[in-house]
Protein backbone atom coordinates (compact mmCIF):
# COMPACT_ATOMS: atom_id res chain seq x y z
CA MET A 1 75.10 28.90 93.01
CA PRO A 2 74.22 27.03 96.17
CA GLY A 3 75.67 28.27 99.30
CA SER A 4 77.92 25.11 100.24
CA GLN A 5 79.28 25.06 96.56
CA ALA A 6 79.92 28.79 96.69
CA CYS A 7 81.84 28.36 100.16
CA HIS A 8 84.15 25.60 98.69
CA ALA A 9 84.68 27.37 95.35
CA LEU A 10 85.44 30.90 96.68
CA VAL A 11 86.76 30.60 100.22
CA SER A 12 90.34 30.78 98.64
CA THR A 13 89.77 33.86 96.55
CA SER A 14 91.14 37.22 97.42
CA LEU A 15 89.37 39.19 100.33
CA VAL A 16 89.44 42.42 98.65
CA LEU A 17 87.39 42.13 95.46
CA PRO A 18 87.36 44.33 92.36
CA ALA A 19 84.88 47.41 92.29
CA ILE A 20 81.11 46.33 91.03
CA GLY A 21 80.40 48.97 88.48
CA SER A 22 76.86 48.83 88.70
CA ARG A 23 74.06 47.86 91.04
CA GLN A 24 73.34 44.55 89.05
CA GLN A 25 75.59 41.68 88.94
CA SER A 26 76.38 39.62 86.14
CA PRO A 27 74.70 36.21 86.20
CA ALA A 28 78.19 34.77 85.61
CA MET A 29 79.65 36.58 88.63
CA PRO A 30 80.01 34.36 91.64
CA LEU A 31 78.89 35.74 95.08
CA PRO A 32 81.93 37.05 97.02
CA LEU A 33 82.41 35.30 100.26
CA PHE A 34 84.71 35.44 103.09
CA GLU A 35 85.15 33.58 106.44
CA LEU A 36 84.46 35.04 109.78
CA GLY A 37 84.30 32.83 112.91
CA GLU A 38 81.86 30.20 112.32
CA ALA A 39 79.73 32.07 109.72
CA THR A 40 80.50 32.40 105.96
CA VAL A 41 79.52 35.82 105.17
CA ASN A 42 78.52 37.42 101.89
CA ARG A 43 80.65 40.46 101.22
CA LEU A 44 80.21 43.57 98.79
CA SER A 45 83.60 45.11 97.78
CA PRO A 46 84.58 48.49 99.62
CA SER A 47 84.89 50.44 96.42
CA TYR A 48 81.19 49.31 95.49
CA LEU A 49 80.01 50.54 99.05
CA ALA A 50 81.80 53.68 99.09
CA ALA A 51 80.01 54.65 95.73
CA HIS A 52 76.62 53.32 96.71
CA LYS A 53 76.31 53.01 100.42
CA PRO A 54 79.46 54.64 102.43
CA VAL A 55 77.74 54.16 105.84
CA ALA A 56 78.00 50.43 105.38
CA LEU A 57 81.74 50.49 105.01
CA LEU A 58 82.12 50.15 108.65
CA ALA A 59 80.41 46.66 108.38
CA LEU A 60 83.39 45.31 106.47
CA VAL A 61 85.61 46.05 109.61
CA PRO A 62 85.61 42.95 111.96
CA ARG A 63 83.30 43.51 114.81
CA ALA A 64 86.21 42.85 117.41
CA ALA A 65 88.41 45.34 115.72
CA VAL A 66 85.61 48.07 115.70
CA LEU A 67 84.78 47.62 119.53
CA PHE A 68 88.59 47.20 120.42
CA GLY A 69 89.23 50.68 118.72
CA ALA A 70 86.35 52.44 120.13
CA GLY A 71 87.17 51.04 123.77
CA ALA A 72 90.99 51.96 123.45
CA LEU A 73 90.08 55.65 122.08
CA SER A 74 87.40 56.37 124.79
CA GLY A 75 89.51 55.02 127.52
CA ALA A 76 92.55 57.16 126.34
CA ILE A 77 90.58 60.42 126.01
CA ALA A 78 88.62 60.02 129.43
CA LYS A 79 91.84 59.28 131.30
CA SER A 80 93.79 62.15 129.92
CA ILE A 81 90.88 64.39 130.87
CA THR A 82 90.74 63.43 134.45
CA ALA A 83 94.61 62.75 135.05
CA PRO A 84 95.13 65.69 137.38
CA LEU A 85 92.38 64.29 139.79
CA ASP A 86 93.59 60.97 139.28
CA ARG A 87 97.03 62.01 140.80
CA VAL A 88 95.57 63.75 143.46
CA LYS A 89 93.40 60.83 144.33
CA ILE A 90 96.45 58.57 144.59
CA LEU A 91 98.41 60.96 146.80
CA LEU A 92 95.61 61.38 149.19
CA GLN A 93 95.24 57.52 149.28
CA LEU A 94 98.80 57.09 150.24
CA LYS A 95 99.18 60.24 152.45
CA GLY A 96 101.66 61.76 150.17
CA GLY A 97 103.46 58.60 149.32
CA MET A 98 107.21 59.62 148.67
CA GLN A 99 106.48 63.04 148.22
CA LYS A 100 107.89 65.95 150.38
CA GLY A 101 107.07 69.53 151.15
CA ALA A 102 103.76 71.15 150.65
CA ILE A 103 102.30 68.31 148.31
CA ALA A 104 103.32 65.71 151.18
CA GLU A 105 101.84 67.92 154.01
CA ALA A 106 98.60 68.41 152.19
CA ALA A 107 98.03 64.86 151.21
CA SER A 108 98.65 63.47 154.55
CA LYS A 109 96.01 65.87 155.99
CA GLY A 110 93.46 64.69 153.44
CA LYS A 111 93.09 68.42 152.03
CA LEU A 112 92.07 67.94 148.36
CA VAL A 113 92.23 71.58 147.43
CA GLN A 114 95.63 72.13 149.20
CA ALA A 115 97.16 69.08 147.53
CA PHE A 116 95.77 70.20 144.25
CA LEU A 117 97.33 73.62 144.40
CA ALA A 118 100.62 72.35 145.88
CA ILE A 119 101.33 70.14 142.94
CA GLY A 120 100.85 73.13 140.40
CA LYS A 121 103.14 75.21 142.75
CA GLU A 122 105.91 72.83 143.10
CA GLU A 123 105.85 70.77 139.90
CA GLY A 124 104.41 72.98 137.43
CA LEU A 125 101.43 72.57 135.17
CA MET A 126 102.87 69.37 133.69
CA GLY A 127 102.95 67.98 137.34
CA TYR A 128 99.25 67.20 137.08
CA TRP A 129 99.97 64.83 134.14
CA LYS A 130 103.02 63.18 135.73
CA GLY A 131 102.73 59.55 135.21
CA ASN A 132 99.95 59.86 132.53
CA LEU A 133 101.89 58.35 129.79
CA PRO A 134 102.23 54.90 131.29
CA GLN A 135 98.51 55.42 132.29
CA VAL A 136 97.30 56.04 128.73
CA LEU A 137 99.70 53.26 127.44
CA ARG A 138 97.87 50.94 130.14
CA VAL A 139 94.51 52.40 129.36
CA VAL A 140 94.39 51.99 125.68
CA PRO A 141 94.81 48.00 125.83
CA TYR A 142 93.20 47.90 129.13
CA SER A 143 89.98 49.64 128.11
CA ALA A 144 89.85 47.68 124.83
CA ALA A 145 90.47 44.32 126.34
CA GLN A 146 88.03 45.05 129.14
CA LEU A 147 84.92 46.05 126.99
CA CYS A 148 85.90 43.56 124.28
CA SER A 149 86.29 40.66 126.56
CA TYR A 150 82.89 41.60 128.19
CA GLU A 151 81.37 41.04 125.08
CA LEU A 152 82.92 37.77 124.65
CA PHE A 153 82.41 36.56 128.25
CA LYS A 154 78.60 37.71 127.70
CA LYS A 155 78.27 35.35 124.78
CA LEU A 156 80.30 32.48 126.54
CA PHE A 157 78.04 32.77 129.56
CA GLN A 158 74.65 32.73 127.77
CA ASP A 159 72.68 29.65 127.95
CA GLU A 160 71.19 27.73 124.72
CA GLU A 161 68.44 30.20 124.42
CA GLY A 162 70.70 33.21 124.25
CA THR A 163 69.71 34.65 127.64
CA LEU A 164 72.03 36.05 130.37
CA THR A 165 70.95 35.95 133.92
CA VAL A 166 72.05 38.67 136.54
CA GLN A 167 74.62 36.26 137.94
CA ARG A 168 76.29 35.30 134.71
CA ARG A 169 76.11 38.93 133.64
CA LEU A 170 78.08 39.71 136.83
CA ALA A 171 80.45 36.96 136.21
CA ALA A 172 81.21 38.17 132.82
CA GLY A 173 82.11 41.57 134.05
CA ALA A 174 84.18 40.04 136.90
CA CYS A 175 86.16 38.01 134.34
CA ALA A 176 86.62 41.00 131.89
CA GLY A 177 87.90 43.16 134.55
CA MET A 178 90.52 40.58 135.82
CA THR A 179 91.60 39.55 132.06
CA ALA A 180 92.44 43.28 131.41
CA THR A 181 94.21 43.72 134.68
CA LEU A 182 96.44 40.76 134.09
CA LEU A 183 97.39 41.97 130.74
CA THR A 184 98.24 45.39 131.81
CA TYR A 185 99.32 45.30 135.43
CA PRO A 186 103.05 46.29 134.79
CA LEU A 187 102.04 49.55 133.46
CA ASP A 188 99.72 50.35 136.28
CA THR A 189 102.78 49.76 138.69
CA LEU A 190 104.80 52.12 136.62
CA ARG A 191 102.10 54.66 136.63
CA LEU A 192 101.63 54.50 140.28
CA ARG A 193 105.31 54.53 141.04
CA LEU A 194 105.90 57.75 138.79
CA ALA A 195 102.87 59.44 140.58
CA VAL A 196 104.19 58.99 144.26
CA ASP A 197 107.99 59.13 143.80
CA PRO A 198 109.32 62.81 143.18
CA LYS A 199 112.84 61.39 142.29
CA LEU A 200 111.55 59.66 139.29
CA ARG A 201 111.38 61.77 136.07
CA GLY A 202 110.36 59.38 133.49
CA VAL A 203 109.31 55.83 132.60
CA GLY A 204 112.80 54.41 132.14
CA GLY A 205 113.89 55.64 135.55
CA ALA A 206 110.78 53.98 137.20
CA ILE A 207 111.60 50.70 135.20
CA THR A 208 115.25 50.58 136.34
CA VAL A 209 114.00 51.18 140.14
CA LEU A 210 111.58 48.46 140.03
CA LEU A 211 113.87 46.01 138.67
CA LYS A 212 116.52 46.86 141.34
CA GLU A 213 113.80 46.16 143.94
CA GLY A 214 112.49 42.84 142.86
CA SER A 215 113.29 41.93 139.22
CA GLY A 216 110.32 41.21 137.14
CA ALA A 217 108.21 40.37 140.24
CA ALA A 218 108.15 44.05 141.31
CA PHE A 219 106.04 44.83 138.40
CA TYR A 220 103.29 42.40 139.80
CA ARG A 221 103.53 43.65 143.34
CA GLY A 222 99.84 43.59 144.59
CA LEU A 223 98.29 41.71 141.80
CA GLY A 224 96.36 39.50 143.99
CA ALA A 225 94.87 42.36 145.70
CA SER A 226 94.06 43.98 142.31
CA MET A 227 92.12 40.89 141.20
CA LEU A 228 90.44 40.69 144.26
CA GLY A 229 89.21 44.43 144.01
CA ILE A 230 88.84 44.51 140.15
CA GLY A 231 86.56 41.47 139.87
CA PRO A 232 83.77 42.79 141.88
CA TYR A 233 84.14 46.43 140.77
CA MET A 234 83.90 45.53 137.01
CA ALA A 235 81.14 43.03 137.83
CA LEU A 236 79.01 45.69 139.31
CA GLU A 237 80.11 48.58 137.02
CA LEU A 238 79.56 46.66 133.72
CA SER A 239 76.33 44.94 134.69
CA SER A 240 74.82 47.87 136.37
CA TYR A 241 75.45 49.65 133.04
CA ASP A 242 73.51 47.09 131.20
CA LEU A 243 70.69 46.53 133.84
CA LEU A 244 69.98 50.25 134.28
CA PRO A 245 67.10 51.69 132.25
CA GLN A 246 67.81 52.12 128.66
CA SER A 247 65.79 55.11 128.56
CA MET A 248 68.60 56.95 130.74
CA PRO A 249 71.30 58.80 128.63
CA SER A 250 74.29 56.48 128.05
CA PHE A 251 76.47 59.11 129.86
CA ALA A 252 74.21 59.05 132.85
CA ARG A 253 74.02 55.36 132.99
CA GLY A 254 77.82 55.19 132.79
CA PHE A 255 77.89 57.47 135.69
CA ALA A 256 75.55 55.88 137.92
CA ALA A 257 77.08 52.35 137.05
CA ALA A 258 80.51 53.77 138.20
CA LEU A 259 79.19 55.38 141.47
CA ILE A 260 77.47 51.94 142.47
CA ALA A 261 80.78 50.33 141.88
CA THR A 262 82.94 52.85 143.34
CA VAL A 263 81.21 53.30 146.67
CA SER A 264 81.13 49.35 146.98
CA CYS A 265 84.73 48.43 146.16
CA TYR A 266 86.98 51.58 147.07
CA PRO A 267 88.48 49.96 150.11
CA LEU A 268 89.65 47.20 147.96
CA ASP A 269 91.56 49.73 145.83
CA THR A 270 93.09 51.70 148.64
CA VAL A 271 94.53 48.43 150.18
CA ARG A 272 96.02 47.59 146.82
CA ARG A 273 97.64 50.87 146.34
CA HIS A 274 99.21 50.40 149.78
CA ILE A 275 100.69 46.99 148.66
CA GLN A 276 101.95 48.45 145.37
CA VAL A 277 104.22 50.95 147.17
CA GLN A 278 105.79 48.71 149.40
CA ALA A 279 109.46 49.01 148.24
CA GLY A 280 111.31 45.88 147.96
CA ARG A 281 108.81 43.70 150.23
CA SER A 282 105.54 41.89 149.71
CA VAL A 283 102.58 42.58 152.21
CA ALA A 284 99.77 40.22 152.51
CA TYR A 285 96.56 41.82 151.68
CA HIS A 286 95.03 41.23 155.24
CA THR A 287 98.03 42.74 156.90
CA ALA A 288 97.76 45.98 154.77
CA ALA A 289 94.02 46.24 155.41
CA ALA A 290 94.50 45.78 159.13
CA ALA A 291 97.22 48.41 159.18
CA ILE A 292 94.92 50.92 157.41
CA LEU A 293 92.17 50.21 159.90
CA ARG A 294 94.38 50.49 162.91
CA ASP A 295 95.98 53.77 161.81
CA ASP A 296 92.84 55.43 160.32
CA GLY A 297 89.99 53.44 161.01
CA LEU A 298 87.29 53.02 158.42
CA ARG A 299 87.77 56.45 157.05
CA GLY A 300 91.29 55.50 155.96
CA MET A 301 89.74 52.94 153.54
CA TYR A 302 87.94 56.01 151.71
CA ARG A 303 90.87 58.36 151.72
CA GLY A 304 90.87 60.16 148.33
CA PHE A 305 87.44 59.07 147.66
CA LEU A 306 86.01 62.51 146.63
CA PRO A 307 88.84 63.38 143.93
CA ASN A 308 88.54 59.63 142.84
CA ALA A 309 84.59 60.07 142.36
CA LEU A 310 85.17 63.40 140.58
CA LYS A 311 87.69 61.77 138.13
CA ASN A 312 86.28 58.32 138.13
CA LEU A 313 82.56 58.94 137.46
CA PRO A 314 82.81 61.19 134.48
CA ASN A 315 85.78 59.11 133.12
CA LYS A 316 83.55 56.03 133.10
CA GLY A 317 80.48 57.88 131.89
CA VAL A 318 82.49 59.10 128.95
CA LYS A 319 84.11 55.74 128.47
CA LEU A 320 80.98 53.50 128.55
CA SER A 321 78.83 55.98 126.60
CA VAL A 322 81.44 56.38 123.68
CA PHE A 323 81.73 52.62 123.64
CA ASP A 324 77.88 52.26 123.51
CA GLY A 325 77.72 54.82 120.74
CA ALA A 326 80.29 52.78 118.69
CA LYS A 327 78.27 49.73 119.01
CA LYS A 328 75.04 51.72 117.81
CA VAL A 329 76.84 53.09 114.81
CA LEU A 330 78.14 49.47 113.92
CA THR A 331 74.61 48.42 114.24
CA VAL A 332 73.41 50.94 111.66
CA ALA A 333 76.33 50.32 109.28
CA GLU A 334 75.51 46.57 109.50
CA LYS A 335 71.81 47.31 108.72
CA ALA A 336 72.87 49.43 105.66
CA TYR A 337 74.95 46.56 104.47
CA ASP A 338 72.25 44.06 104.77
CA GLU A 339 69.84 46.24 102.84
CA GLU A 340 72.28 46.86 100.12
CA CYS A 341 73.08 42.94 100.08
CA VAL A 342 69.31 42.59 99.48
CA ALA A 343 69.07 45.03 96.85
CA MET A 344 72.09 43.24 94.97
CA GLY A 345 70.38 39.87 95.28
CA VAL A 346 73.09 38.68 97.70
CA VAL A 347 72.06 36.73 100.93
CA PRO A 348 72.89 39.05 103.83
CA PRO A 349 75.15 37.59 106.47
CA THR A 350 73.68 35.65 109.29
CA ARG A 351 75.18 37.52 112.28
CA GLN A 352 73.22 35.71 114.80
CA ASP A 353 75.43 32.75 114.26
CA TRP A 354 78.52 34.75 115.48
CA ARG A 355 78.68 33.22 118.76
CA PRO A 356 81.20 30.80 120.29
CA ALA A 357 81.32 27.13 119.37
CA GLY A 358 78.33 25.24 120.80
CA LYS A 359 76.23 28.44 120.98
CA ALA A 360 75.32 28.93 117.54
CA ARG A 361 71.70 28.35 116.39
CA LYS A 362 70.71 25.08 115.40
CA ALA A 363 69.99 24.18 111.54
CA GLY A 364 66.59 25.11 110.66
CA GLN A 365 66.28 27.96 113.45
CA GLN A 366 68.08 30.68 111.30
CA GLN A 367 66.33 33.71 110.35
CA PRO A 368 64.48 33.65 107.26
CA GLN A 369 66.28 35.28 104.42
CA GLN A 370 64.52 38.36 102.71
CA PRO A 371 64.02 38.16 98.95
CA PRO A 372 65.89 40.16 96.78
CA ARG A 373 64.64 43.91 95.79
CA LYS A 374 63.80 44.19 92.16
């Protein structure tokens, strides 16, 4: 059946097809099809693949769903492992914030080890993970949205030949970071408030306090500073990961990319944190930055840098390497699926056409199809 006729005849059929009992299709059996973006893709049934090529099952899951899940899981694992150092980092940045006692004293003096030990002594083991629940709730959609949107923006910024310059890659990283930040910023505000306010014992209490301070706007306090900081940070991190030598292990590439971005953009994050904890009032970015420089000089901009580096660099190494690994596994699955399509006499899907409108290959430039395997 010609491709155009098959498309019109079968687009309305069920997506889940009955199992194929053997590797040879009946001549009267129509080719199973389904729609994905701009491309109409041949599809073998899950039950058939489970019996003959299990590794290809992942190719049936939409690519966006696989990458979204991989980004979410990798972000949650990495963030939970490094949560204790993240809390110490925030306390050092804010000189103890609203804390009192030994925690506030150690943090105000910039003493990393003493602040770390004081948290355990005054708040117990779970004190190291205080505020981690809203952080994980934020990281799951944030990490997924960030990494998936980066892939999308890279496609959007490609030229007609499918190439991506360094400048456009940087722009894609910046847009991905800002998109994810805008979507999840209220959760980051909750996490920060729980980490620095000793009076709060749960997410519900933090929400109540923020609503009293400024209604819904309190959840977006410091958003402008966050956008200003996250744009260049994610531009450097994601593009550096792509541009560093591919011969490097993925974890090492992620670690190095995060180091480049962190050293360059950490002062922007410090100013953002100061704005976020201003109870009941909004402070301009330049005002907050001037106050930090006046009180502590340039060194104040890098308060908490060491625990942040200890926490952030392995975190990003894990997250980016897991995500990269997921993409490789998906590629293997798609290759196995295509091989099985060829064996069945089914035209493999043209995944090079899965690009935004206007970016798809022109007719006549598609990859030649392989003959079916006898």
